[in-house]
C-alpha atoms as a PDB file:
ATOM      1  CA  UNK A   1      -0.086   0.055   0.040  1.00  0.00           C
ATOM      2  CA  UNK A   2       1.552   3.321  -0.916  1.00  0.00           C
ATOM      3  CA  UNK A   3       0.270   6.691   0.333  1.00  0.00           C
ATOM      4  CA  UNK A   4      -0.354   9.185  -2.187  1.00  0.00           C
ATOM      5  CA  UNK A   5      -1.545  12.109   0.244  1.00  0.00           C
ATOM      6  CA  UNK A   6      -3.281  12.282   3.629  1.00  0.00           C
ATOM      7  CA  UNK A   7      -6.606  11.799   1.880  1.00  0.00           C
ATOM      8  CA  UNK A   8      -5.663   8.823  -0.255  1.00  0.00           C
ATOM      9  CA  UNK A   9      -3.763   5.643  -0.686  1.00  0.00           C
ATOM     10  CA  UNK A  10      -3.110   3.359  -3.452  1.00  0.00           C
ATOM     11  CA  UNK A  11      -3.480  -0.647  -3.065  1.00  0.00           C
ATOM     12  CA  UNK A  12      -2.583  -3.207  -5.535  1.00  0.00           C
ATOM     13  CA  UNK A  13      -5.720  -5.485  -6.240  1.00  0.00           C
ATOM     14  CA  UNK A  14      -5.144  -8.334  -8.853  1.00  0.00           C
ATOM     15  CA  UNK A  15      -2.330  -6.722 -10.469  1.00  0.00           C
ATOM     16  CA  UNK A  16      -4.066  -3.194 -10.631  1.00  0.00           C
ATOM     17  CA  UNK A  17      -3.199  -0.074  -8.573  1.00  0.00           C
ATOM     18  CA  UNK A  18      -6.698   1.394  -7.402  1.00  0.00           C
ATOM     19  CA  UNK A  19      -6.482   4.607  -5.305  1.00  0.00           C
ATOM     20  CA  UNK A  20      -8.757   4.678  -2.092  1.00  0.00           C
ATOM     21  CA  UNK A  21      -9.452   6.911   0.793  1.00  0.00           C
ATOM     22  CA  UNK A  22      -9.519   3.745   3.083  1.00  0.00           C
ATOM     23  CA  UNK A  23      -6.469   3.397   5.056  1.00  0.00           C
ATOM     24  CA  UNK A  24      -5.399   6.907   4.424  1.00  0.00           C
ATOM     25  CA  UNK A  25      -4.428   9.286   7.227  1.00  0.00           C
ATOM     26  CA  UNK A  26      -7.645  11.065   6.890  1.00  0.00           C
ATOM     27  CA  UNK A  27      -9.558   8.136   6.993  1.00  0.00           C
ATOM     28  CA  UNK A  28      -7.898   6.982  10.045  1.00  0.00           C
ATOM     29  CA  UNK A  29      -8.191  10.489  11.958  1.00  0.00           C
ATOM     30  CA  UNK A  30     -12.064  10.372  11.066  1.00  0.00           C
ATOM     31  CA  UNK A  31     -12.731   6.963  12.504  1.00  0.00           C
ATOM     32  CA  UNK A  32     -10.690   7.527  15.486  1.00  0.00           C
ATOM     33  CA  UNK A  33     -12.734  10.273  16.725  1.00  0.00           C
ATOM     34  CA  UNK A  34      -9.883  12.714  16.182  1.00  0.00           C
ATOM     35  CA  UNK A  35     -11.209  15.055  13.406  1.00  0.00           C
ATOM     36  CA  UNK A  36      -8.549  17.739  13.923  1.00  0.00           C
ATOM     37  CA  UNK A  37      -6.439  17.544  10.863  1.00  0.00           C
ATOM     38  CA  UNK A  38      -8.896  15.236   9.008  1.00  0.00           C
ATOM     39  CA  UNK A  39     -10.421  18.124   6.845  1.00  0.00           C
ATOM     40  CA  UNK A  40     -13.827  17.806   8.226  1.00  0.00           C
ATOM     41  CA  UNK A  41     -16.387  20.477   8.812  1.00  0.00           C
ATOM     42  CA  UNK A  42     -19.874  20.327   9.975  1.00  0.00           C
ATOM     43  CA  UNK A  43     -22.941  21.944   8.056  1.00  0.00           C
ATOM     44  CA  UNK A  44     -26.759  21.941   8.294  1.00  0.00           C
ATOM     45  CA  UNK A  45     -28.737  20.514   5.655  1.00  0.00           C
ATOM     46  CA  UNK A  46     -30.478  23.319   4.043  1.00  0.00           C
ATOM     47  CA  UNK A  47     -34.349  23.283   3.050  1.00  0.00           C
ATOM     48  CA  UNK A  48     -35.150  21.405  -0.179  1.00  0.00           C
ATOM     49  CA  UNK A  49     -31.844  18.942   0.527  1.00  0.00           C
ATOM     50  CA  UNK A  50     -33.369  16.712   3.174  1.00  0.00           C
ATOM     51  CA  UNK A  51     -33.363  12.949   2.324  1.00  0.00           C
ATOM     52  CA  UNK A  52     -30.981  13.644  -0.748  1.00  0.00           C
ATOM     53  CA  UNK A  53     -27.387  12.669  -0.099  1.00  0.00           C
ATOM     54  CA  UNK A  54     -26.466  13.416  -3.836  1.00  0.00           C
ATOM     55  CA  UNK A  55     -27.845  17.051  -3.698  1.00  0.00           C
ATOM     56  CA  UNK A  56     -25.980  17.405  -0.307  1.00  0.00           C
ATOM     57  CA  UNK A  57     -22.818  15.984  -1.816  1.00  0.00           C
ATOM     58  CA  UNK A  58     -23.070  18.312  -4.886  1.00  0.00           C
ATOM     59  CA  UNK A  59     -23.625  21.428  -2.476  1.00  0.00           C
ATOM     60  CA  UNK A  60     -20.659  20.785  -0.271  1.00  0.00           C
ATOM     61  CA  UNK A  61     -18.315  18.739  -2.450  1.00  0.00           C
ATOM     62  CA  UNK A  62     -19.078  19.886  -5.943  1.00  0.00           C
ATOM     63  CA  UNK A  63     -20.276  16.494  -7.197  1.00  0.00           C
ATOM     64  CA  UNK A  64     -23.165  14.229  -6.501  1.00  0.00           C
ATOM     65  CA  UNK A  65     -21.035  11.094  -7.370  1.00  0.00           C
ATOM     66  CA  UNK A  66     -19.560  11.626  -3.699  1.00  0.00           C
ATOM     67  CA  UNK A  67     -23.177  10.924  -1.977  1.00  0.00           C
ATOM     68  CA  UNK A  68     -21.901   7.713  -0.393  1.00  0.00           C
ATOM     69  CA  UNK A  69     -19.146   9.839   1.588  1.00  0.00           C
ATOM     70  CA  UNK A  70     -21.906  11.818   3.055  1.00  0.00           C
ATOM     71  CA  UNK A  71     -23.530   8.796   4.356  1.00  0.00           C
ATOM     72  CA  UNK A  72     -20.318   7.020   5.535  1.00  0.00           C
ATOM     73  CA  UNK A  73     -19.281   9.962   7.295  1.00  0.00           C
ATOM     74  CA  UNK A  74     -22.459  10.481   9.331  1.00  0.00           C
ATOM     75  CA  UNK A  75     -23.258   6.793   9.697  1.00  0.00           C
ATOM     76  CA  UNK A  76     -26.385   7.036   7.538  1.00  0.00           C
ATOM     77  CA  UNK A  77     -28.142   3.820   6.899  1.00  0.00           C
ATOM     78  CA  UNK A  78     -31.880   5.289   6.050  1.00  0.00           C
ATOM     79  CA  UNK A  79     -31.671   8.583   4.209  1.00  0.00           C
ATOM     80  CA  UNK A  80     -35.470   9.201   4.890  1.00  0.00           C
ATOM     81  CA  UNK A  81     -34.991   8.916   8.687  1.00  0.00           C
ATOM     82  CA  UNK A  82     -31.786  10.367   8.950  1.00  0.00           C
ATOM     83  CA  UNK A  83     -31.026  13.162   6.448  1.00  0.00           C
ATOM     84  CA  UNK A  84     -33.576  15.657   7.587  1.00  0.00           C
ATOM     85  CA  UNK A  85     -33.849  19.392   6.860  1.00  0.00           C
ATOM     86  CA  UNK A  86     -31.785  21.097   9.689  1.00  0.00           C
ATOM     87  CA  UNK A  87     -29.622  18.200  10.807  1.00  0.00           C
ATOM     88  CA  UNK A  88     -26.056  18.856  11.417  1.00  0.00           C
ATOM     89  CA  UNK A  89     -23.663  16.717   9.224  1.00  0.00           C
ATOM     90  CA  UNK A  90     -19.991  16.380   8.829  1.00  0.00           C
ATOM     91  CA  UNK A  91     -18.681  16.984   5.377  1.00  0.00           C
ATOM     92  CA  UNK A  92     -15.121  17.181   4.038  1.00  0.00           C
ATOM     93  CA  UNK A  93     -13.549  20.332   3.179  1.00  0.00           C
END
């Protein structure tokens, strides 16, 4: 496993190099509970964005493709119960 930066690493899987955030310093800091230096901030879900991790990711991260990271960072398993307007969530910088 090679480290690219604090936010990503490269693993070799079946002969191919694959970049991932799992195992990176940022990932480890986040899951250890020490968010200082992990590049995270908090935000409130604005009106019209409840239950929509794709819209939230697009708003905070610039792409709807990162919707899964919003869910992962906030332990969201059911977007209809856990992503409500006004809720405070963690998002990457």
